[in-house]
Amino acid sequence: TELIVGVEDNAISLANGCVCCQIRDDLVQTVNEVINRPEN
């Protein structure tokens, strides 16, 4: 929990630069959301 710096609808942002995203029904949509994040 000390690593978690932010929680969105389907993503957890971590202090070490990682982001953990839950896969939605549409994998293409999830991938697009990930690569379009401010810190790609």
PDB file of all heavy atoms in Angstrom:
ATOM      1  N   THR A   1       0.815  -1.214   0.000  1.00  0.00           N
ATOM      2  CA  THR A   1       0.000   0.000   0.000  1.00  0.00           C
ATOM      3  C   THR A   1       0.850   1.267   0.000  1.00  0.00           C
ATOM      4  O   THR A   1       0.402   2.320  -0.465  1.00  0.00           O
ATOM      5  CB  THR A   1      -0.934   0.027   1.215  1.00  0.00           C
ATOM      6  OG1 THR A   1      -0.152  -0.115   2.420  1.00  0.00           O
ATOM      7  CG2 THR A   1      -1.948  -1.104   1.140  1.00  0.00           C
ATOM      8  N   GLU A   2       2.073   1.190   0.495  1.00  0.00           N
ATOM      9  CA  GLU A   2       2.934   2.369   0.497  1.00  0.00           C
ATOM     10  C   GLU A   2       3.380   2.744  -0.914  1.00  0.00           C
ATOM     11  O   GLU A   2       3.851   3.865  -1.141  1.00  0.00           O
ATOM     12  CB  GLU A   2       4.166   2.124   1.378  1.00  0.00           C
ATOM     13  CG  GLU A   2       3.824   1.958   2.857  1.00  0.00           C
ATOM     14  CD  GLU A   2       5.062   1.759   3.707  1.00  0.00           C
ATOM     15  OE1 GLU A   2       6.168   1.713   3.143  1.00  0.00           O
ATOM     16  OE2 GLU A   2       4.911   1.650   4.937  1.00  0.00           O
ATOM     17  N   LEU A   3       3.246   1.804  -1.859  1.00  0.00           N
ATOM     18  CA  LEU A   3       3.621   2.080  -3.242  1.00  0.00           C
ATOM     19  C   LEU A   3       2.516   2.785  -4.013  1.00  0.00           C
ATOM     20  O   LEU A   3       2.766   3.431  -5.025  1.00  0.00           O
ATOM     21  CB  LEU A   3       3.977   0.785  -3.972  1.00  0.00           C
ATOM     22  CG  LEU A   3       5.409   0.273  -3.907  1.00  0.00           C
ATOM     23  CD1 LEU A   3       5.523  -1.051  -4.652  1.00  0.00           C
ATOM     24  CD2 LEU A   3       6.374   1.286  -4.505  1.00  0.00           C
ATOM     25  N   ILE A   4       1.271   2.656  -3.567  1.00  0.00           N
ATOM     26  CA  ILE A   4       0.127   3.175  -4.312  1.00  0.00           C
ATOM     27  C   ILE A   4       0.042   4.695  -4.155  1.00  0.00           C
ATOM     28  O   ILE A   4      -0.044   5.208  -3.044  1.00  0.00           O
ATOM     29  CB  ILE A   4      -1.180   2.521  -3.838  1.00  0.00           C
ATOM     30  CG1 ILE A   4      -1.117   1.000  -4.062  1.00  0.00           C
ATOM     31  CG2 ILE A   4      -2.377   3.112  -4.561  1.00  0.00           C
ATOM     32  CD1 ILE A   4      -2.332   0.258  -3.546  1.00  0.00           C
ATOM     33  N   VAL A   5       0.063   5.396  -5.292  1.00  0.00           N
ATOM     34  CA  VAL A   5      -0.004   6.855  -5.265  1.00  0.00           C
ATOM     35  C   VAL A   5      -1.282   7.375  -5.913  1.00  0.00           C
ATOM     36  O   VAL A   5      -1.582   8.559  -5.822  1.00  0.00           O
ATOM     37  CB  VAL A   5       1.223   7.484  -5.964  1.00  0.00           C
ATOM     38  CG1 VAL A   5       2.489   7.140  -5.230  1.00  0.00           C
ATOM     39  CG2 VAL A   5       1.304   7.040  -7.422  1.00  0.00           C
ATOM     40  N   GLY A   6      -2.024   6.504  -6.565  1.00  0.00           N
ATOM     41  CA  GLY A   6      -3.266   6.941  -7.194  1.00  0.00           C
ATOM     42  C   GLY A   6      -4.093   5.772  -7.661  1.00  0.00           C
ATOM     43  O   GLY A   6      -3.553   4.748  -8.083  1.00  0.00           O
ATOM     44  N   VAL A   7      -5.425   5.902  -7.568  1.00  0.00           N
ATOM     45  CA  VAL A   7      -6.339   4.848  -8.009  1.00  0.00           C
ATOM     46  C   VAL A   7      -7.387   5.480  -8.909  1.00  0.00           C
ATOM     47  O   VAL A   7      -8.046   6.452  -8.525  1.00  0.00           O
ATOM     48  CB  VAL A   7      -7.013   4.143  -6.821  1.00  0.00           C
ATOM     49  CG1 VAL A   7      -7.969   3.068  -7.326  1.00  0.00           C
ATOM     50  CG2 VAL A   7      -5.980   3.540  -5.883  1.00  0.00           C
ATOM     51  N   GLU A   8      -7.509   4.945 -10.132  1.00  0.00           N
ATOM     52  CA  GLU A   8      -8.549   5.393 -11.051  1.00  0.00           C
ATOM     53  C   GLU A   8      -9.548   4.261 -11.228  1.00  0.00           C
ATOM     54  O   GLU A   8      -9.519   3.272 -10.501  1.00  0.00           O
ATOM     55  CB  GLU A   8      -7.908   5.807 -12.376  1.00  0.00           C
ATOM     56  CG  GLU A   8      -6.872   6.926 -12.238  1.00  0.00           C
ATOM     57  CD  GLU A   8      -6.141   7.216 -13.529  1.00  0.00           C
ATOM     58  OE1 GLU A   8      -6.591   6.707 -14.579  1.00  0.00           O
ATOM     59  OE2 GLU A   8      -5.122   7.925 -13.475  1.00  0.00           O
ATOM     60  N   ASP A   9     -10.425   4.402 -12.217  1.00  0.00           N
ATOM     61  CA  ASP A   9     -11.485   3.408 -12.395  1.00  0.00           C
ATOM     62  C   ASP A   9     -10.935   2.005 -12.572  1.00  0.00           C
ATOM     63  O   ASP A   9     -11.403   1.053 -11.959  1.00  0.00           O
ATOM     64  CB  ASP A   9     -12.359   3.778 -13.601  1.00  0.00           C
ATOM     65  CG  ASP A   9     -13.208   5.011 -13.335  1.00  0.00           C
ATOM     66  OD1 ASP A   9     -13.401   5.337 -12.146  1.00  0.00           O
ATOM     67  OD2 ASP A   9     -13.658   5.641 -14.301  1.00  0.00           O
ATOM     68  N   ASN A  10      -9.936   1.875 -13.419  1.00  0.00           N
ATOM     69  CA  ASN A  10      -9.413   0.535 -13.686  1.00  0.00           C
ATOM     70  C   ASN A  10      -7.895   0.522 -13.676  1.00  0.00           C
ATOM     71  O   ASN A  10      -7.271  -0.289 -14.349  1.00  0.00           O
ATOM     72  CB  ASN A  10      -9.928   0.014 -15.029  1.00  0.00           C
ATOM     73  CG  ASN A  10      -9.288   0.715 -16.211  1.00  0.00           C
ATOM     74  OD1 ASN A  10      -9.043   1.919 -16.160  1.00  0.00           O
ATOM     75  ND2 ASN A  10      -9.004  -0.027 -17.274  1.00  0.00           N
ATOM     76  N   ALA A  11      -7.295   1.442 -12.906  1.00  0.00           N
ATOM     77  CA  ALA A  11      -5.840   1.518 -12.875  1.00  0.00           C
ATOM     78  C   ALA A  11      -5.340   1.933 -11.500  1.00  0.00           C
ATOM     79  O   ALA A  11      -5.948   2.757 -10.824  1.00  0.00           O
ATOM     80  CB  ALA A  11      -5.338   2.507 -13.922  1.00  0.00           C
ATOM     81  N   ILE A  12      -4.221   1.339 -11.101  1.00  0.00           N
ATOM     82  CA  ILE A  12      -3.531   1.694  -9.869  1.00  0.00           C
ATOM     83  C   ILE A  12      -2.157   2.215 -10.247  1.00  0.00           C
ATOM     84  O   ILE A  12      -1.361   1.495 -10.866  1.00  0.00           O
ATOM     85  CB  ILE A  12      -3.395   0.483  -8.923  1.00  0.00           C
ATOM     86  CG1 ILE A  12      -4.771  -0.063  -8.544  1.00  0.00           C
ATOM     87  CG2 ILE A  12      -2.603   0.853  -7.672  1.00  0.00           C
ATOM     88  CD1 ILE A  12      -4.708  -1.347  -7.728  1.00  0.00           C
ATOM     89  N   SER A  13      -1.853   3.444  -9.904  1.00  0.00           N
ATOM     90  CA  SER A  13      -0.549   4.038 -10.197  1.00  0.00           C
ATOM     91  C   SER A  13       0.369   3.853  -8.994  1.00  0.00           C
ATOM     92  O   SER A  13      -0.054   4.056  -7.844  1.00  0.00           O
ATOM     93  CB  SER A  13      -0.698   5.529 -10.522  1.00  0.00           C
ATOM     94  OG  SER A  13      -1.496   5.722 -11.668  1.00  0.00           O
ATOM     95  N   LEU A  14       1.613   3.469  -9.263  1.00  0.00           N
ATOM     96  CA  LEU A  14       2.548   3.144  -8.206  1.00  0.00           C
ATOM     97  C   LEU A  14       3.717   4.121  -8.175  1.00  0.00           C
ATOM     98  O   LEU A  14       4.079   4.716  -9.199  1.00  0.00           O
ATOM     99  CB  LEU A  14       3.076   1.715  -8.389  1.00  0.00           C
ATOM    100  CG  LEU A  14       2.005   0.626  -8.536  1.00  0.00           C
ATOM    101  CD1 LEU A  14       2.655  -0.723  -8.744  1.00  0.00           C
ATOM    102  CD2 LEU A  14       1.105   0.596  -7.318  1.00  0.00           C
ATOM    103  N   ALA A  15       4.316   4.248  -7.006  1.00  0.00           N
ATOM    104  CA  ALA A  15       5.400   5.197  -6.812  1.00  0.00           C
ATOM    105  C   ALA A  15       6.643   4.830  -7.612  1.00  0.00           C
ATOM    106  O   ALA A  15       7.474   5.688  -7.900  1.00  0.00           O
ATOM    107  CB  ALA A  15       5.740   5.311  -5.325  1.00  0.00           C
ATOM    108  N   ASN A  16       6.802   3.552  -7.978  1.00  0.00           N
ATOM    109  CA  ASN A  16       8.004   3.132  -8.719  1.00  0.00           C
ATOM    110  C   ASN A  16       7.852   3.291 -10.224  1.00  0.00           C
ATOM    111  O   ASN A  16       8.687   2.824 -10.991  1.00  0.00           O
ATOM    112  CB  ASN A  16       8.353   1.680  -8.375  1.00  0.00           C
ATOM    113  CG  ASN A  16       7.265   0.699  -8.801  1.00  0.00           C
ATOM    114  OD1 ASN A  16       6.246   1.086  -9.352  1.00  0.00           O
ATOM    115  ND2 ASN A  16       7.491  -0.571  -8.538  1.00  0.00           N
ATOM    116  N   GLY A  17       6.778   3.954 -10.657  1.00  0.00           N
ATOM    117  CA  GLY A  17       6.593   4.201 -12.082  1.00  0.00           C
ATOM    118  C   GLY A  17       5.686   3.211 -12.775  1.00  0.00           C
ATOM    119  O   GLY A  17       5.326   3.399 -13.933  1.00  0.00           O
ATOM    120  N   CYS A  18       5.322   2.137 -12.087  1.00  0.00           N
ATOM    121  CA  CYS A  18       4.447   1.131 -12.691  1.00  0.00           C
ATOM    122  C   CYS A  18       2.991   1.578 -12.653  1.00  0.00           C
ATOM    123  O   CYS A  18       2.586   2.413 -11.847  1.00  0.00           O
ATOM    124  CB  CYS A  18       4.570  -0.202 -11.951  1.00  0.00           C
ATOM    125  SG  CYS A  18       6.144  -1.043 -12.136  1.00  0.00           S
ATOM    126  N   VAL A  19       2.198   0.998 -13.515  1.00  0.00           N
ATOM    127  CA  VAL A  19       0.759   1.164 -13.458  1.00  0.00           C
ATOM    128  C   VAL A  19       0.135  -0.207 -13.688  1.00  0.00           C
ATOM    129  O   VAL A  19       0.551  -0.955 -14.583  1.00  0.00           O
ATOM    130  CB  VAL A  19       0.246   2.186 -14.500  1.00  0.00           C
ATOM    131  CG1 VAL A  19       0.640   1.772 -15.914  1.00  0.00           C
ATOM    132  CG2 VAL A  19      -1.263   2.365 -14.399  1.00  0.00           C
ATOM    133  N   CYS A  20      -0.825  -0.555 -12.837  1.00  0.00           N
ATOM    134  CA  CYS A  20      -1.503  -1.846 -12.950  1.00  0.00           C
ATOM    135  C   CYS A  20      -2.924  -1.583 -13.427  1.00  0.00           C
ATOM    136  O   CYS A  20      -3.685  -0.880 -12.760  1.00  0.00           O
ATOM    137  CB  CYS A  20      -1.508  -2.559 -11.594  1.00  0.00           C
ATOM    138  SG  CYS A  20      -2.257  -4.199 -11.635  1.00  0.00           S
ATOM    139  N   CYS A  21      -3.259  -2.110 -14.582  1.00  0.00           N
ATOM    140  CA  CYS A  21      -4.557  -1.839 -15.197  1.00  0.00           C
ATOM    141  C   CYS A  21      -5.380  -3.120 -15.317  1.00  0.00           C
ATOM    142  O   CYS A  21      -4.861  -4.161 -15.721  1.00  0.00           O
ATOM    143  CB  CYS A  21      -4.382  -1.224 -16.587  1.00  0.00           C
ATOM    144  SG  CYS A  21      -3.573   0.388 -16.555  1.00  0.00           S
ATOM    145  N   GLN A  22      -6.653  -3.013 -14.966  1.00  0.00           N
ATOM    146  CA  GLN A  22      -7.546  -4.160 -15.122  1.00  0.00           C
ATOM    147  C   GLN A  22      -8.059  -4.207 -16.554  1.00  0.00           C
ATOM    148  O   GLN A  22      -8.464  -3.187 -17.117  1.00  0.00           O
ATOM    149  CB  GLN A  22      -8.716  -4.062 -14.151  1.00  0.00           C
ATOM    150  CG  GLN A  22      -9.564  -5.323 -14.100  1.00  0.00           C
ATOM    151  CD  GLN A  22     -10.460  -5.344 -12.876  1.00  0.00           C
ATOM    152  OE1 GLN A  22     -10.614  -4.352 -12.193  1.00  0.00           O
ATOM    153  NE2 GLN A  22     -11.059  -6.487 -12.600  1.00  0.00           N
ATOM    154  N   ILE A  23      -8.003  -5.383 -17.145  1.00  0.00           N
ATOM    155  CA  ILE A  23      -8.426  -5.545 -18.531  1.00  0.00           C
ATOM    156  C   ILE A  23      -9.941  -5.498 -18.622  1.00  0.00           C
ATOM    157  O   ILE A  23     -10.640  -6.249 -17.947  1.00  0.00           O
ATOM    158  CB  ILE A  23      -7.906  -6.877 -19.110  1.00  0.00           C
ATOM    159  CG1 ILE A  23      -6.374  -6.912 -19.074  1.00  0.00           C
ATOM    160  CG2 ILE A  23      -8.388  -7.068 -20.538  1.00  0.00           C
ATOM    161  CD1 ILE A  23      -5.804  -8.252 -19.466  1.00  0.00           C
ATOM    162  N   ARG A  24     -10.425  -4.596 -19.470  1.00  0.00           N
ATOM    163  CA  ARG A  24     -11.862  -4.525 -19.715  1.00  0.00           C
ATOM    164  C   ARG A  24     -12.240  -5.571 -20.759  1.00  0.00           C
ATOM    165  O   ARG A  24     -11.420  -6.313 -21.258  1.00  0.00           O
ATOM    166  CB  ARG A  24     -12.232  -3.121 -20.194  1.00  0.00           C
ATOM    167  CG  ARG A  24     -11.982  -2.044 -19.134  1.00  0.00           C
ATOM    168  CD  ARG A  24     -12.408  -0.683 -19.625  1.00  0.00           C
ATOM    169  NE  ARG A  24     -12.310   0.307 -18.573  1.00  0.00           N
ATOM    170  CZ  ARG A  24     -12.609   1.599 -18.735  1.00  0.00           C
ATOM    171  NH1 ARG A  24     -12.999   2.037 -19.926  1.00  0.00           N
ATOM    172  NH2 ARG A  24     -12.505   2.450 -17.731  1.00  0.00           N
ATOM    173  N   ASP A  25     -13.529  -5.588 -21.088  1.00  0.00           N
ATOM    174  CA  ASP A  25     -13.989  -6.549 -22.088  1.00  0.00           C
ATOM    175  C   ASP A  25     -13.273  -6.347 -23.417  1.00  0.00           C
ATOM    176  O   ASP A  25     -13.005  -7.293 -24.149  1.00  0.00           O
ATOM    177  CB  ASP A  25     -15.501  -6.424 -22.284  1.00  0.00           C
ATOM    178  CG  ASP A  25     -16.287  -6.860 -21.060  1.00  0.00           C
ATOM    179  OD1 ASP A  25     -15.727  -7.648 -20.273  1.00  0.00           O
ATOM    180  OD2 ASP A  25     -17.431  -6.405 -20.889  1.00  0.00           O
ATOM    181  N   ASP A  26     -12.954  -5.097 -23.737  1.00  0.00           N
ATOM    182  CA  ASP A  26     -12.290  -4.778 -24.988  1.00  0.00           C
ATOM    183  C   ASP A  26     -10.806  -4.560 -24.708  1.00  0.00           C
ATOM    184  O   ASP A  26     -10.403  -3.519 -24.182  1.00  0.00           O
ATOM    185  CB  ASP A  26     -12.909  -3.528 -25.605  1.00  0.00           C
ATOM    186  CG  ASP A  26     -12.351  -3.233 -26.994  1.00  0.00           C
ATOM    187  OD1 ASP A  26     -11.386  -3.900 -27.401  1.00  0.00           O
ATOM    188  OD2 ASP A  26     -12.889  -2.339 -27.663  1.00  0.00           O
ATOM    189  N   LEU A  27      -9.984  -5.539 -25.051  1.00  0.00           N
ATOM    190  CA  LEU A  27      -8.545  -5.441 -24.808  1.00  0.00           C
ATOM    191  C   LEU A  27      -7.929  -4.278 -25.574  1.00  0.00           C
ATOM    192  O   LEU A  27      -7.039  -3.585 -25.070  1.00  0.00           O
ATOM    193  CB  LEU A  27      -7.855  -6.755 -25.196  1.00  0.00           C
ATOM    194  CG  LEU A  27      -6.327  -6.806 -25.056  1.00  0.00           C
ATOM    195  CD1 LEU A  27      -5.894  -6.519 -23.623  1.00  0.00           C
ATOM    196  CD2 LEU A  27      -5.803  -8.175 -25.507  1.00  0.00           C
ATOM    197  N   VAL A  28      -8.401  -4.050 -26.795  1.00  0.00           N
ATOM    198  CA  VAL A  28      -7.870  -2.956 -27.611  1.00  0.00           C
ATOM    199  C   VAL A  28      -8.084  -1.622 -26.908  1.00  0.00           C
ATOM    200  O   VAL A  28      -7.207  -0.754 -26.871  1.00  0.00           O
ATOM    201  CB  VAL A  28      -8.520  -2.943 -29.008  1.00  0.00           C
ATOM    202  CG1 VAL A  28      -8.091  -1.710 -29.795  1.00  0.00           C
ATOM    203  CG2 VAL A  28      -8.156  -4.211 -29.771  1.00  0.00           C
ATOM    204  N   GLN A  29      -9.261  -1.438 -26.300  1.00  0.00           N
ATOM    205  CA  GLN A  29      -9.553  -0.197 -25.587  1.00  0.00           C
ATOM    206  C   GLN A  29      -8.605  -0.021 -24.405  1.00  0.00           C
ATOM    207  O   GLN A  29      -8.083   1.074 -24.170  1.00  0.00           O
ATOM    208  CB  GLN A  29     -11.003  -0.190 -25.092  1.00  0.00           C
ATOM    209  CG  GLN A  29     -11.365   1.047 -24.268  1.00  0.00           C
ATOM    210  CD  GLN A  29     -12.762   0.983 -23.684  1.00  0.00           C
ATOM    211  OE1 GLN A  29     -13.562   0.129 -24.054  1.00  0.00           O
ATOM    212  NE2 GLN A  29     -13.060   1.876 -22.753  1.00  0.00           N
ATOM    213  N   THR A  30      -8.371  -1.101 -23.665  1.00  0.00           N
ATOM    214  CA  THR A  30      -7.471  -1.029 -22.517  1.00  0.00           C
ATOM    215  C   THR A  30      -6.057  -0.660 -22.947  1.00  0.00           C
ATOM    216  O   THR A  30      -5.406   0.180 -22.328  1.00  0.00           O
ATOM    217  CB  THR A  30      -7.447  -2.371 -21.764  1.00  0.00           C
ATOM    218  OG1 THR A  30      -8.771  -2.725 -21.365  1.00  0.00           O
ATOM    219  CG2 THR A  30      -6.557  -2.290 -20.525  1.00  0.00           C
ATOM    220  N   VAL A  31      -5.572  -1.281 -24.012  1.00  0.00           N
ATOM    221  CA  VAL A  31      -4.229  -0.990 -24.494  1.00  0.00           C
ATOM    222  C   VAL A  31      -4.127   0.465 -24.945  1.00  0.00           C
ATOM    223  O   VAL A  31      -3.141   1.162 -24.642  1.00  0.00           O
ATOM    224  CB  VAL A  31      -3.851  -1.940 -25.651  1.00  0.00           C
ATOM    225  CG1 VAL A  31      -2.529  -1.525 -26.276  1.00  0.00           C
ATOM    226  CG2 VAL A  31      -3.758  -3.371 -25.151  1.00  0.00           C
ATOM    227  N   ASN A  32      -5.153   0.952 -25.644  1.00  0.00           N
ATOM    228  CA  ASN A  32      -5.144   2.347 -26.075  1.00  0.00           C
ATOM    229  C   ASN A  32      -5.096   3.296 -24.886  1.00  0.00           C
ATOM    230  O   ASN A  32      -4.383   4.311 -24.904  1.00  0.00           O
ATOM    231  CB  ASN A  32      -6.388   2.647 -26.927  1.00  0.00           C
ATOM    232  CG  ASN A  32      -6.157   2.410 -28.409  1.00  0.00           C
ATOM    233  OD1 ASN A  32      -5.115   2.770 -28.941  1.00  0.00           O
ATOM    234  ND2 ASN A  32      -7.120   1.791 -29.066  1.00  0.00           N
ATOM    235  N   GLU A  33      -5.839   2.986 -23.835  1.00  0.00           N
ATOM    236  CA  GLU A  33      -5.839   3.836 -22.648  1.00  0.00           C
ATOM    237  C   GLU A  33      -4.452   3.866 -22.001  1.00  0.00           C
ATOM    238  O   GLU A  33      -3.991   4.911 -21.535  1.00  0.00           O
ATOM    239  CB  GLU A  33      -6.875   3.339 -21.641  1.00  0.00           C
ATOM    240  CG  GLU A  33      -8.316   3.549 -22.090  1.00  0.00           C
ATOM    241  CD  GLU A  33      -9.306   2.935 -21.123  1.00  0.00           C
ATOM    242  OE1 GLU A  33      -8.870   2.250 -20.160  1.00  0.00           O
ATOM    243  OE2 GLU A  33     -10.532   3.130 -21.317  1.00  0.00           O
ATOM    244  N   VAL A  34      -3.782   2.724 -21.987  1.00  0.00           N
ATOM    245  CA  VAL A  34      -2.470   2.635 -21.343  1.00  0.00           C
ATOM    246  C   VAL A  34      -1.425   3.440 -22.109  1.00  0.00           C
ATOM    247  O   VAL A  34      -0.671   4.226 -21.529  1.00  0.00           O
ATOM    248  CB  VAL A  34      -2.029   1.162 -21.214  1.00  0.00           C
ATOM    249  CG1 VAL A  34      -0.561   1.067 -20.849  1.00  0.00           C
ATOM    250  CG2 VAL A  34      -2.874   0.458 -20.165  1.00  0.00           C
ATOM    251  N   ILE A  35      -1.370   3.262 -23.430  1.00  0.00           N
ATOM    252  CA  ILE A  35      -0.318   3.933 -24.192  1.00  0.00           C
ATOM    253  C   ILE A  35      -0.608   5.417 -24.378  1.00  0.00           C
ATOM    254  O   ILE A  35       0.278   6.177 -24.772  1.00  0.00           O
ATOM    255  CB  ILE A  35      -0.097   3.259 -25.567  1.00  0.00           C
ATOM    256  CG1 ILE A  35      -1.369   3.274 -26.415  1.00  0.00           C
ATOM    257  CG2 ILE A  35       0.421   1.856 -25.380  1.00  0.00           C
ATOM    258  CD1 ILE A  35      -1.199   2.607 -27.772  1.00  0.00           C
ATOM    259  N   ASN A  36      -1.846   5.857 -24.057  1.00  0.00           N
ATOM    260  CA  ASN A  36      -2.187   7.275 -24.148  1.00  0.00           C
ATOM    261  C   ASN A  36      -2.095   7.983 -22.801  1.00  0.00           C
ATOM    262  O   ASN A  36      -2.443   9.168 -22.695  1.00  0.00           O
ATOM    263  CB  ASN A  36      -3.606   7.451 -24.718  1.00  0.00           C
ATOM    264  CG  ASN A  36      -3.674   7.134 -26.193  1.00  0.00           C
ATOM    265  OD1 ASN A  36      -2.730   7.381 -26.939  1.00  0.00           O
ATOM    266  ND2 ASN A  36      -4.795   6.576 -26.631  1.00  0.00           N
ATOM    267  N   ARG A  37      -1.621   7.290 -21.776  1.00  0.00           N
ATOM    268  CA  ARG A  37      -1.450   7.931 -20.469  1.00  0.00           C
ATOM    269  C   ARG A  37      -0.388   9.035 -20.570  1.00  0.00           C
ATOM    270  O   ARG A  37       0.517   8.958 -21.414  1.00  0.00           O
ATOM    271  CB  ARG A  37      -1.029   6.903 -19.414  1.00  0.00           C
ATOM    272  CG  ARG A  37      -2.112   5.887 -19.083  1.00  0.00           C
ATOM    273  CD  ARG A  37      -1.594   4.850 -18.080  1.00  0.00           C
ATOM    274  NE  ARG A  37      -1.269   5.467 -16.815  1.00  0.00           N
ATOM    275  CZ  ARG A  37      -2.131   5.629 -15.811  1.00  0.00           C
ATOM    276  NH1 ARG A  37      -3.380   5.210 -15.964  1.00  0.00           N
ATOM    277  NH2 ARG A  37      -1.758   6.185 -14.685  1.00  0.00           N
ATOM    278  N   PRO A  38      -0.496  10.074 -19.713  1.00  0.00           N
ATOM    279  CA  PRO A  38       0.485  11.173 -19.763  1.00  0.00           C
ATOM    280  C   PRO A  38       1.930  10.701 -19.686  1.00  0.00           C
ATOM    281  O   PRO A  38       2.788  11.196 -20.419  1.00  0.00           O
ATOM    282  CB  PRO A  38       0.096  12.018 -18.546  1.00  0.00           C
ATOM    283  CG  PRO A  38      -1.356  11.734 -18.341  1.00  0.00           C
ATOM    284  CD  PRO A  38      -1.537  10.298 -18.716  1.00  0.00           C
ATOM    285  N   GLU A  39       2.199   9.755 -18.780  1.00  0.00           N
ATOM    286  CA  GLU A  39       3.521   9.137 -18.716  1.00  0.00           C
ATOM    287  C   GLU A  39       3.412   7.768 -19.374  1.00  0.00           C
ATOM    288  O   GLU A  39       3.118   6.769 -18.717  1.00  0.00           O
ATOM    289  CB  GLU A  39       4.006   9.013 -17.263  1.00  0.00           C
ATOM    290  CG  GLU A  39       4.332  10.352 -16.607  1.00  0.00           C
ATOM    291  CD  GLU A  39       5.016  10.168 -15.270  1.00  0.00           C
ATOM    292  OE1 GLU A  39       5.171   9.007 -14.835  1.00  0.00           O
ATOM    293  OE2 GLU A  39       5.392  11.177 -14.658  1.00  0.00           O
ATOM    294  N   ASN A  40       3.652   7.757 -20.675  1.00  0.00           N
ATOM    295  CA  ASN A  40       3.461   6.514 -21.413  1.00  0.00           C
ATOM    296  C   ASN A  40       4.459   5.461 -20.941  1.00  0.00           C
ATOM    297  O   ASN A  40       5.601   5.769 -20.582  1.00  0.00           O
ATOM    298  CB  ASN A  40       3.618   6.752 -22.916  1.00  0.00           C
ATOM    299  CG  ASN A  40       4.981   7.281 -23.272  1.00  0.00           C
ATOM    300  OD1 ASN A  40       5.423   8.265 -22.715  1.00  0.00           O
ATOM    301  ND2 ASN A  40       5.641   6.627 -24.211  1.00  0.00           N
TER     302      ASN A  40
END
